N, C-alpha and C. Protein backbone atom coordinates (compact mmCIF):
# COMPACT_ATOMS: atom_id res chain seq x y z
N UNK A 1 -14.65 3.20 7.77
CA UNK A 1 -15.44 2.11 7.21
C UNK A 1 -14.72 0.79 7.49
N UNK A 2 -15.44 -0.15 8.02
CA UNK A 2 -14.88 -1.48 8.31
C UNK A 2 -15.41 -2.46 7.27
N UNK A 3 -14.52 -2.90 6.40
CA UNK A 3 -14.93 -3.77 5.31
C UNK A 3 -14.65 -5.23 5.58
N UNK A 4 -13.60 -5.52 6.33
CA UNK A 4 -13.24 -6.92 6.54
C UNK A 4 -13.15 -7.25 8.03
N UNK A 5 -13.82 -8.32 8.39
CA UNK A 5 -13.80 -8.81 9.76
C UNK A 5 -13.16 -10.19 9.73
N UNK A 6 -12.17 -10.42 10.58
CA UNK A 6 -11.49 -11.69 10.65
C UNK A 6 -11.74 -12.30 12.03
N UNK A 7 -12.36 -13.48 12.04
CA UNK A 7 -12.62 -14.19 13.29
C UNK A 7 -11.52 -15.22 13.48
N UNK A 8 -10.89 -15.20 14.66
CA UNK A 8 -9.71 -16.02 14.94
C UNK A 8 -9.94 -16.81 16.22
N UNK A 9 -9.53 -18.09 16.25
CA UNK A 9 -9.65 -18.86 17.48
C UNK A 9 -8.87 -18.20 18.62
N UNK A 10 -9.49 -18.06 19.74
CA UNK A 10 -8.87 -17.36 20.86
C UNK A 10 -7.67 -18.06 21.47
N UNK A 11 -7.58 -19.39 21.31
CA UNK A 11 -6.49 -20.14 21.93
C UNK A 11 -5.37 -20.48 20.95
N UNK A 12 -5.30 -19.75 19.83
CA UNK A 12 -4.29 -20.06 18.81
C UNK A 12 -3.37 -18.85 18.62
N UNK A 13 -2.26 -18.85 19.33
CA UNK A 13 -1.35 -17.70 19.31
C UNK A 13 -0.79 -17.44 17.91
N UNK A 14 -0.53 -18.48 17.13
CA UNK A 14 -0.05 -18.29 15.76
C UNK A 14 -1.10 -17.58 14.92
N UNK A 15 -2.36 -17.92 15.15
CA UNK A 15 -3.45 -17.26 14.42
C UNK A 15 -3.56 -15.80 14.83
N UNK A 16 -3.29 -15.49 16.10
CA UNK A 16 -3.31 -14.10 16.55
C UNK A 16 -2.26 -13.29 15.79
N UNK A 17 -1.06 -13.85 15.66
CA UNK A 17 0.02 -13.16 14.96
C UNK A 17 -0.31 -13.00 13.49
N UNK A 18 -0.86 -14.04 12.87
CA UNK A 18 -1.24 -13.96 11.46
C UNK A 18 -2.34 -12.93 11.25
N UNK A 19 -3.28 -12.87 12.17
CA UNK A 19 -4.37 -11.90 12.07
C UNK A 19 -3.82 -10.48 12.12
N UNK A 20 -2.84 -10.26 12.98
CA UNK A 20 -2.26 -8.92 13.11
C UNK A 20 -1.59 -8.48 11.81
N UNK A 21 -1.10 -9.42 11.04
CA UNK A 21 -0.45 -9.11 9.76
C UNK A 21 -1.42 -9.11 8.58
N UNK A 22 -2.67 -9.47 8.80
CA UNK A 22 -3.62 -9.73 7.73
C UNK A 22 -4.12 -8.49 7.00
N UNK A 23 -4.12 -7.36 7.68
CA UNK A 23 -4.70 -6.16 7.08
C UNK A 23 -6.20 -6.05 7.26
N UNK A 24 -6.79 -6.96 8.02
CA UNK A 24 -8.23 -6.91 8.28
C UNK A 24 -8.56 -5.64 9.05
N UNK A 25 -9.73 -5.10 8.78
CA UNK A 25 -10.17 -3.90 9.49
C UNK A 25 -10.54 -4.20 10.93
N UNK A 26 -11.07 -5.38 11.18
CA UNK A 26 -11.49 -5.79 12.52
C UNK A 26 -11.02 -7.23 12.76
N UNK A 27 -10.44 -7.47 13.91
CA UNK A 27 -10.06 -8.83 14.30
C UNK A 27 -10.86 -9.19 15.55
N UNK A 28 -11.54 -10.31 15.48
CA UNK A 28 -12.33 -10.79 16.60
C UNK A 28 -11.67 -12.06 17.11
N UNK A 29 -11.22 -12.04 18.35
CA UNK A 29 -10.67 -13.24 18.96
C UNK A 29 -11.84 -14.00 19.58
N UNK A 30 -12.20 -15.09 18.97
CA UNK A 30 -13.38 -15.86 19.33
C UNK A 30 -13.07 -16.77 20.51
N UNK A 31 -13.81 -16.65 21.59
CA UNK A 31 -13.54 -17.39 22.82
C UNK A 31 -14.56 -18.48 23.12
N UNK A 32 -15.51 -18.70 22.25
CA UNK A 32 -16.55 -19.69 22.51
C UNK A 32 -16.56 -20.77 21.42
N UNK A 33 -17.15 -20.49 20.27
CA UNK A 33 -17.38 -21.51 19.25
C UNK A 33 -16.10 -22.10 18.67
N UNK A 34 -15.06 -21.29 18.47
CA UNK A 34 -13.81 -21.78 17.88
C UNK A 34 -12.85 -22.30 18.94
N UNK A 35 -13.22 -22.23 20.19
CA UNK A 35 -12.31 -22.57 21.28
C UNK A 35 -12.88 -23.71 22.12
N UNK A 36 -12.15 -24.83 22.20
CA UNK A 36 -12.65 -25.94 23.03
C UNK A 36 -12.83 -25.49 24.48
N UNK A 37 -13.85 -26.00 25.16
CA UNK A 37 -14.11 -25.58 26.55
C UNK A 37 -12.89 -25.68 27.47
N UNK A 38 -12.07 -26.68 27.29
CA UNK A 38 -10.89 -26.86 28.16
C UNK A 38 -9.85 -25.77 27.96
N UNK A 39 -9.90 -25.06 26.83
CA UNK A 39 -8.91 -24.03 26.53
C UNK A 39 -9.44 -22.60 26.70
N UNK A 40 -10.67 -22.45 27.11
CA UNK A 40 -11.27 -21.11 27.17
C UNK A 40 -10.60 -20.18 28.17
N UNK A 41 -10.23 -20.68 29.32
CA UNK A 41 -9.54 -19.83 30.30
C UNK A 41 -8.20 -19.37 29.74
N UNK A 42 -7.47 -20.29 29.15
CA UNK A 42 -6.18 -19.95 28.52
C UNK A 42 -6.40 -18.96 27.38
N UNK A 43 -7.46 -19.15 26.60
CA UNK A 43 -7.74 -18.27 25.48
C UNK A 43 -8.01 -16.84 25.95
N UNK A 44 -8.69 -16.68 27.06
CA UNK A 44 -8.96 -15.34 27.59
C UNK A 44 -7.66 -14.64 27.96
N UNK A 45 -6.75 -15.36 28.58
CA UNK A 45 -5.45 -14.79 28.94
C UNK A 45 -4.66 -14.44 27.69
N UNK A 46 -4.67 -15.33 26.71
CA UNK A 46 -3.94 -15.08 25.45
C UNK A 46 -4.54 -13.88 24.71
N UNK A 47 -5.86 -13.76 24.73
CA UNK A 47 -6.52 -12.65 24.05
C UNK A 47 -6.13 -11.32 24.69
N UNK A 48 -6.09 -11.29 26.00
CA UNK A 48 -5.69 -10.05 26.69
C UNK A 48 -4.27 -9.65 26.30
N UNK A 49 -3.37 -10.62 26.23
CA UNK A 49 -1.98 -10.34 25.84
C UNK A 49 -1.90 -9.87 24.39
N UNK A 50 -2.70 -10.49 23.51
CA UNK A 50 -2.70 -10.07 22.10
C UNK A 50 -3.20 -8.64 21.98
N UNK A 51 -4.30 -8.30 22.66
CA UNK A 51 -4.81 -6.93 22.59
C UNK A 51 -3.78 -5.93 23.12
N UNK A 52 -3.13 -6.26 24.21
CA UNK A 52 -2.11 -5.37 24.77
C UNK A 52 -0.97 -5.16 23.77
N UNK A 53 -0.53 -6.23 23.12
CA UNK A 53 0.55 -6.12 22.14
C UNK A 53 0.12 -5.29 20.94
N UNK A 54 -1.10 -5.50 20.46
CA UNK A 54 -1.59 -4.73 19.31
C UNK A 54 -1.73 -3.26 19.67
N UNK A 55 -2.22 -2.99 20.86
CA UNK A 55 -2.37 -1.60 21.31
C UNK A 55 -0.99 -0.94 21.42
N UNK A 56 0.00 -1.64 21.97
CA UNK A 56 1.34 -1.10 22.12
C UNK A 56 1.99 -0.84 20.76
N UNK A 57 1.58 -1.61 19.75
CA UNK A 57 2.12 -1.43 18.40
C UNK A 57 1.40 -0.33 17.63
N UNK A 58 0.39 0.28 18.26
CA UNK A 58 -0.30 1.39 17.63
C UNK A 58 -1.60 1.01 16.94
N UNK A 59 -1.99 -0.25 17.04
CA UNK A 59 -3.27 -0.66 16.45
C UNK A 59 -4.41 -0.21 17.35
N UNK A 60 -5.54 0.07 16.75
CA UNK A 60 -6.73 0.37 17.55
C UNK A 60 -7.37 -0.95 17.91
N UNK A 61 -7.36 -1.28 19.18
CA UNK A 61 -7.94 -2.54 19.63
C UNK A 61 -8.79 -2.26 20.85
N UNK A 62 -9.80 -3.07 21.02
CA UNK A 62 -10.67 -2.93 22.18
C UNK A 62 -11.10 -4.29 22.66
N UNK A 63 -11.67 -4.30 23.81
CA UNK A 63 -12.19 -5.54 24.37
C UNK A 63 -13.69 -5.44 24.45
N UNK A 64 -14.36 -6.54 24.13
CA UNK A 64 -15.80 -6.57 24.29
C UNK A 64 -16.15 -6.46 25.75
N UNK A 65 -17.22 -5.81 26.04
CA UNK A 65 -17.62 -5.65 27.43
C UNK A 65 -18.78 -6.56 27.73
């Protein structure tokens, strides 16, 4: 059961780390509305690194297709 969803700006690495510690059932790294257009490419790269780190730490993480 997924009770809590946390939406985090995709280009904010500190927010990614805080989200990982939050205890939320689902973390969504938002790459559009919370992310300025000039930072979207960087946000995609940061999101991929965050997912890889969470997966390596044993968290269940996935990427939207």
